Amino acid sequence: MSPSRRYASGQFLCALALLSAVPRLLIAEQPLPQGKTSSNEVAATPGHAALHATATVGEHPLHWVLQFARQEQAYLKGTVRDFTCRLVKRERIGGFLQDYQYIDMCAREEIRQGDQVVQPMSIFLHFLGPKNVAGRKVLYIDGQNDGRMMVRNGGKHFDYVIVNIDPNGDTAREESLVPITESGFNRVLSQMINVLERHVKADPSGENTKVERIPGAKINKRPVSIIRIVHAQHEDGLEFHVANVFLDDELRVPVRVDFSLWPSRPNQEPPLLAEYTYTDLQINVNLPDNTFSRAQLRAGR
């Protein structure tokens, strides 16, 4: 996969965050930094079979997913102002599956009044682990700092160094599949809609697209619905083999997504491209302005 295609797939992986039944799904257990706790268990409630989404004759299997995504986007735009969470992620970069990363995340969604932005999208990340990135901090505010994110290095060496980095440049792509500019739920959904529309064009008959909805699951002890999208055959324009997306039934936001590519040999396990799990999610906490102050990058030295 080319770097640009890999990056686009990573954007979609984050963007899919809306949506064969399995009795139990388990995120691989990984140790958290000392003093931090998180539940990594993902369990489907016994007795719930996979619900095959039905569509009107002639409709593409992704049609109802697109409708759902647009409805959720309208809901979130009018509901979510900001949020905090613990992000646990693992990505395959340069052909290698990286270690789990643990990140505390604070985010403000973009809010507009007409054509005027009254609250720009703002993101602050604090990396907790692994050791090579522990202490890293990242600040990005849309429309400021010439479009660059400010990054305090963290890790074992020169942890105090702060640099400005293009979120879509090569340096950023070597560290993450998903640019920080696509971190808010609203932009996540826009990316989702764009990619699903491309998949409809790539498989117009829908014969290579299967969609299942699995209700009654739980992740971190919260009720979720799982949406699974499968493209059995690798075709031009399709960016993943299997995507599993977990949507919190009460909060109506994503709490986990995993994304796999096509296996290179028959009977081979599909290679994981990335997985993201959002824990301790708190919505509309009214984050103060100093959450996104440059002084936060220096704090804790």
Protein backbone atom coordinates (compact mmCIF):
# COMPACT_ATOMS: atom_id res chain seq x y z
CA MET A 1 0.00 0.00 0.00
CA SER A 2 1.39 3.41 -0.97
CA PRO A 3 2.02 5.97 1.81
CA SER A 4 -0.77 8.22 0.54
CA ARG A 5 -3.23 5.31 0.31
CA ARG A 6 -2.15 4.07 3.74
CA TYR A 7 -2.75 7.52 5.20
CA ALA A 8 -6.18 7.76 3.55
CA SER A 9 -7.06 4.36 4.98
CA GLY A 10 -5.95 5.55 8.39
CA GLN A 11 -8.18 8.60 8.07
CA PHE A 12 -11.05 6.30 7.20
CA LEU A 13 -10.31 4.05 10.13
CA CYS A 14 -10.76 6.96 12.45
CA ALA A 15 -13.71 8.09 10.37
CA LEU A 16 -15.55 4.78 10.50
CA ALA A 17 -16.07 5.41 14.14
CA LEU A 18 -19.85 5.31 13.95
CA LEU A 19 -20.88 2.12 13.64
CA SER A 20 -20.46 -13.56 11.79
CA ALA A 21 -21.56 -12.74 15.27
CA VAL A 22 -18.91 -13.73 17.77
CA PRO A 23 -19.51 -14.65 21.41
CA ARG A 24 -16.44 -12.77 22.60
CA LEU A 25 -13.99 -10.22 21.24
CA LEU A 26 -10.86 -9.43 23.19
CA ILE A 27 -8.39 -6.61 22.67
CA ALA A 28 -4.93 -8.01 23.35
CA GLU A 29 -3.96 -7.27 26.93
CA GLN A 30 -1.10 -4.81 27.20
CA PRO A 31 0.33 -3.33 30.41
CA LEU A 32 -0.62 0.29 31.07
CA PRO A 33 1.91 2.71 32.52
CA GLN A 34 2.21 2.31 36.28
CA GLY A 35 -0.69 3.83 38.15
CA LYS A 36 -3.01 3.83 35.11
CA THR A 37 -5.95 1.51 34.70
CA SER A 38 -8.19 0.62 31.82
CA SER A 39 -10.55 -2.18 30.92
CA ASN A 40 -9.55 -3.80 27.63
CA GLU A 41 -12.37 -6.32 27.54
CA VAL A 42 -14.86 -6.27 24.69
CA ALA A 43 -17.65 -8.81 25.05
CA ALA A 44 -20.74 -9.49 22.98
CA THR A 45 -23.76 -10.45 25.06
CA PRO A 46 -24.51 -14.20 24.63
CA GLY A 47 -27.61 -15.02 22.66
CA HIS A 48 -27.46 -12.08 20.25
CA ALA A 49 -27.04 -13.21 16.66
CA ALA A 50 -25.63 -10.97 13.97
CA LEU A 51 -28.31 -8.80 12.40
CA HIS A 52 -27.92 -8.63 8.64
CA ALA A 53 -28.87 -5.16 7.50
CA THR A 54 -31.64 -5.27 4.94
CA ALA A 55 -32.02 -2.77 2.14
CA THR A 56 -34.70 -2.00 -0.38
CA VAL A 57 -34.33 -3.95 -3.60
CA GLY A 58 -31.74 -2.22 -5.75
CA GLU A 59 -30.10 -0.37 -2.87
CA HIS A 60 -26.42 -0.78 -2.08
CA PRO A 61 -25.65 -2.55 1.26
CA LEU A 62 -23.86 0.61 2.42
CA HIS A 63 -26.87 2.83 1.73
CA TRP A 64 -28.33 2.55 5.23
CA VAL A 65 -24.88 3.05 6.79
CA LEU A 66 -24.49 6.30 4.87
CA GLN A 67 -27.95 7.42 5.97
CA PHE A 68 -27.09 6.58 9.56
CA ALA A 69 -23.77 8.43 9.36
CA ARG A 70 -25.43 11.58 8.04
CA GLN A 71 -28.06 11.46 10.81
CA GLU A 72 -25.36 11.01 13.46
CA GLN A 73 -23.33 13.86 12.01
CA ALA A 74 -26.31 16.21 12.29
CA TYR A 75 -26.95 15.02 15.85
CA LEU A 76 -23.33 15.42 16.98
CA LYS A 77 -22.97 18.85 15.39
CA GLY A 78 -25.84 20.07 17.51
CA THR A 79 -24.89 18.19 20.67
CA VAL A 80 -21.15 17.70 21.26
CA ARG A 81 -19.08 20.77 22.17
CA ASP A 82 -16.05 19.06 23.69
CA PHE A 83 -14.88 15.76 25.15
CA THR A 84 -12.09 14.01 27.03
CA CYS A 85 -11.00 10.37 26.82
CA ARG A 86 -8.17 7.87 27.14
CA LEU A 87 -7.18 6.69 23.65
CA VAL A 88 -5.52 3.29 23.31
CA LYS A 89 -4.24 2.77 19.79
CA ARG A 90 -2.06 0.44 17.75
CA GLU A 91 -1.16 1.00 14.09
CA ARG A 92 0.80 -0.72 11.37
CA ILE A 93 3.27 1.79 9.96
CA GLY A 94 5.89 0.97 7.34
CA GLY A 95 4.76 -2.65 7.41
CA PHE A 96 5.34 -3.04 11.16
CA LEU A 97 2.64 -3.28 13.81
CA GLN A 98 3.63 -0.77 16.47
CA ASP A 99 3.30 -1.11 20.25
CA TYR A 100 0.12 0.03 21.97
CA GLN A 101 0.08 3.75 22.75
CA TYR A 102 -1.85 5.25 25.65
CA ILE A 103 -2.93 8.87 25.23
CA ASP A 104 -5.05 11.22 27.30
CA MET A 105 -7.00 13.39 24.87
CA CYS A 106 -8.89 16.68 25.27
CA ALA A 107 -10.84 18.01 22.31
CA ARG A 108 -13.08 20.90 21.40
CA GLU A 109 -15.30 20.54 18.37
CA GLU A 110 -15.55 23.30 15.79
CA ILE A 111 -18.65 25.43 16.31
CA ARG A 112 -19.95 27.76 13.62
CA GLN A 113 -22.55 30.48 13.49
CA GLY A 114 -23.35 30.77 9.83
CA ASP A 115 -20.04 31.05 8.01
CA GLN A 116 -18.18 32.27 11.09
CA VAL A 117 -16.13 29.92 13.29
CA VAL A 118 -16.85 30.86 16.90
CA GLN A 119 -14.92 27.92 18.38
CA PRO A 120 -12.08 26.36 16.36
CA MET A 121 -11.40 22.65 16.63
CA SER A 122 -8.73 22.24 19.33
CA ILE A 123 -6.84 19.09 20.36
CA PHE A 124 -4.45 18.42 23.23
CA LEU A 125 -2.77 15.02 23.57
CA HIS A 126 -0.67 13.73 26.47
CA PHE A 127 1.13 10.43 25.79
CA LEU A 128 1.40 8.08 28.78
CA GLY A 129 3.21 5.18 27.14
CA PRO A 130 5.14 3.31 25.89
CA LYS A 131 8.39 4.61 27.36
CA ASN A 132 9.79 5.91 24.09
CA VAL A 133 6.96 8.48 23.85
CA ALA A 134 5.89 8.87 27.49
CA GLY A 135 5.54 12.55 28.33
CA ARG A 136 4.99 13.64 24.73
CA LYS A 137 2.44 16.44 24.40
CA VAL A 138 0.75 17.69 21.27
CA LEU A 139 -1.29 20.87 20.80
CA TYR A 140 -3.26 21.72 17.67
CA ILE A 141 -5.74 24.56 17.20
CA ASP A 142 -7.35 24.91 13.81
CA GLY A 143 -6.38 28.16 12.08
CA GLN A 144 -3.48 28.95 14.41
CA ASN A 145 0.31 28.47 14.31
CA ASP A 146 0.32 28.43 10.49
CA GLY A 147 -1.64 25.18 10.52
CA ARG A 148 1.08 23.31 12.41
CA MET A 149 0.86 21.33 15.61
CA MET A 150 3.19 22.02 18.52
CA VAL A 151 4.89 18.87 19.80
CA ARG A 152 6.89 18.37 22.96
CA ASN A 153 9.11 15.39 22.21
CA GLY A 154 8.77 13.31 25.36
CA GLY A 155 10.46 9.93 25.62
CA LYS A 156 13.91 9.22 27.00
CA HIS A 157 15.99 11.84 25.19
CA PHE A 158 15.42 15.60 24.73
CA ASP A 159 11.94 15.21 26.19
CA TYR A 160 11.65 18.97 26.75
CA VAL A 161 12.23 19.95 23.09
CA ILE A 162 9.18 21.57 21.44
CA VAL A 163 8.87 21.72 17.65
CA ASN A 164 6.25 22.79 15.09
CA ILE A 165 5.22 19.97 12.76
CA ASP A 166 3.00 19.87 9.68
CA PRO A 167 0.18 17.46 10.65
CA ASN A 168 0.05 16.18 7.08
CA GLY A 169 3.80 16.07 6.49
CA ASP A 170 6.17 13.10 6.30
CA THR A 171 7.27 13.40 9.94
CA ALA A 172 3.70 13.15 11.18
CA ARG A 173 2.90 10.28 8.81
CA GLU A 174 5.79 8.27 10.21
CA GLU A 175 4.19 8.49 13.65
CA SER A 176 0.46 8.10 12.98
CA LEU A 177 -1.94 6.95 10.29
CA VAL A 178 -4.54 9.55 11.28
CA PRO A 179 -3.71 13.28 11.15
CA ILE A 180 -4.63 15.30 14.20
CA THR A 181 -6.67 17.59 11.93
CA GLU A 182 -9.24 14.77 11.61
CA SER A 183 -9.58 14.03 15.33
CA GLY A 184 -12.92 15.65 16.16
CA PHE A 185 -16.12 13.63 15.81
CA ASN A 186 -17.58 15.99 13.20
CA ARG A 187 -14.60 15.66 10.88
CA VAL A 188 -14.42 11.95 11.58
CA LEU A 189 -17.94 11.56 10.24
CA SER A 190 -17.24 13.71 7.19
CA GLN A 191 -14.32 11.42 6.33
CA MET A 192 -16.49 8.37 6.90
CA ILE A 193 -19.16 9.61 4.53
CA ASN A 194 -16.59 10.47 1.85
CA VAL A 195 -14.92 7.06 2.01
CA LEU A 196 -18.14 5.07 2.06
CA GLU A 197 -19.31 6.99 -1.00
CA ARG A 198 -16.06 6.01 -2.72
CA HIS A 199 -16.65 2.36 -1.77
CA VAL A 200 -20.13 2.47 -3.28
CA LYS A 201 -18.56 3.68 -6.54
CA ALA A 202 -15.82 1.02 -6.35
CA ASP A 203 -18.40 -1.78 -5.85
CA PRO A 204 -21.56 -0.36 -7.47
CA SER A 205 -23.41 -3.69 -7.52
CA GLY A 206 -22.72 -4.28 -3.82
CA GLU A 207 -21.85 -7.92 -4.51
CA ASN A 208 -18.48 -7.51 -2.78
CA THR A 209 -19.91 -5.67 0.23
CA LYS A 210 -21.46 -7.27 3.31
CA VAL A 211 -22.79 -5.26 6.24
CA GLU A 212 -23.83 -6.70 9.61
CA ARG A 213 -25.17 -4.95 12.68
CA ILE A 214 -24.61 -6.71 15.99
CA PRO A 215 -26.56 -5.24 18.93
CA GLY A 216 -26.23 -6.09 22.58
CA ALA A 217 -22.45 -5.94 22.88
CA LYS A 218 -20.44 -4.27 25.63
CA ILE A 219 -17.10 -2.50 25.71
CA ASN A 220 -15.67 -1.29 29.00
CA LYS A 221 -18.98 -2.37 30.56
CA ARG A 222 -21.01 0.03 28.40
CA PRO A 223 -23.70 -1.08 25.90
CA VAL A 224 -22.62 -0.79 22.28
CA SER A 225 -23.73 -1.84 18.82
CA ILE A 226 -21.19 -3.25 16.39
CA ILE A 227 -21.25 -2.54 12.70
CA ARG A 228 -19.10 -4.85 10.61
CA ILE A 229 -18.32 -4.10 6.97
CA VAL A 230 -16.62 -6.80 4.89
CA HIS A 231 -15.25 -6.69 1.35
CA ALA A 232 -14.37 -10.32 0.62
CA GLN A 233 -12.33 -9.61 -2.51
CA HIS A 234 -9.60 -7.04 -2.97
CA GLU A 235 -10.66 -4.57 -5.69
CA ASP A 236 -9.35 -1.19 -6.78
CA GLY A 237 -10.90 1.60 -4.77
CA LEU A 238 -11.63 -0.51 -1.68
CA GLU A 239 -9.49 0.47 1.30
CA PHE A 240 -10.07 -2.36 3.76
CA HIS A 241 -11.06 -6.03 4.03
CA VAL A 242 -12.89 -5.98 7.39
CA ALA A 243 -13.85 -3.09 9.66
CA ASN A 244 -15.51 -3.53 13.05
CA VAL A 245 -16.94 -0.39 14.60
CA PHE A 246 -18.38 -0.08 18.12
CA LEU A 247 -20.91 2.69 18.80
CA ASP A 248 -21.91 3.59 22.35
CA ASP A 249 -25.69 3.13 22.44
CA GLU A 250 -26.23 5.92 24.96
CA LEU A 251 -23.61 8.51 24.00
CA ARG A 252 -23.97 7.84 20.23
CA VAL A 253 -20.23 8.22 19.65
CA PRO A 254 -17.51 5.72 18.69
CA VAL A 255 -15.69 3.82 21.41
CA ARG A 256 -13.66 1.36 19.33
CA VAL A 257 -12.78 0.50 15.74
CA ASP A 258 -10.44 -2.09 14.26
CA PHE A 259 -9.45 -2.35 10.65
CA SER A 260 -7.82 -5.24 8.72
CA LEU A 261 -6.45 -5.72 5.23
CA TRP A 262 -6.74 -8.71 2.92
CA PRO A 263 -4.51 -11.71 3.74
CA SER A 264 -1.76 -12.45 1.24
CA ARG A 265 -2.40 -16.21 1.39
CA PRO A 266 -5.54 -18.36 1.77
CA ASN A 267 -6.49 -19.27 5.35
CA GLN A 268 -4.17 -16.57 6.69
CA GLU A 269 -5.40 -14.28 9.45
CA PRO A 270 -6.22 -10.84 7.97
CA PRO A 271 -3.38 -8.48 8.97
CA LEU A 272 -4.48 -5.79 11.40
CA LEU A 273 -3.82 -2.30 10.08
CA ALA A 274 -4.94 -0.44 13.20
CA GLU A 275 -7.20 -0.42 16.21
CA TYR A 276 -8.44 2.46 18.34
CA THR A 277 -10.30 2.24 21.64
CA TYR A 278 -11.72 5.25 23.48
CA THR A 279 -12.14 4.75 27.24
CA ASP A 280 -13.26 7.04 30.06
CA LEU A 281 -15.15 9.13 27.50
CA GLN A 282 -16.69 12.29 28.93
CA ILE A 283 -18.76 14.60 26.71
CA ASN A 284 -19.51 18.32 27.17
CA VAL A 285 -17.24 18.86 30.16
CA ASN A 286 -16.78 22.58 29.35
CA LEU A 287 -13.02 22.46 29.00
CA PRO A 288 -11.41 25.75 30.09
CA ASP A 289 -9.39 27.80 27.62
CA ASN A 290 -6.10 27.02 29.38
CA THR A 291 -6.54 23.35 28.44
CA PHE A 292 -5.27 24.41 25.01
CA SER A 293 -2.64 26.88 26.19
CA ARG A 294 0.95 26.55 25.02
CA ALA A 295 1.91 26.61 28.69
CA GLN A 296 0.48 23.09 28.95
CA LEU A 297 3.33 21.86 26.77
CA ARG A 298 5.85 23.01 29.38
CA ALA A 299 3.88 21.80 32.40
CA GLY A 300 5.35 18.88 34.29
CA ARG A 301 8.96 19.46 33.29
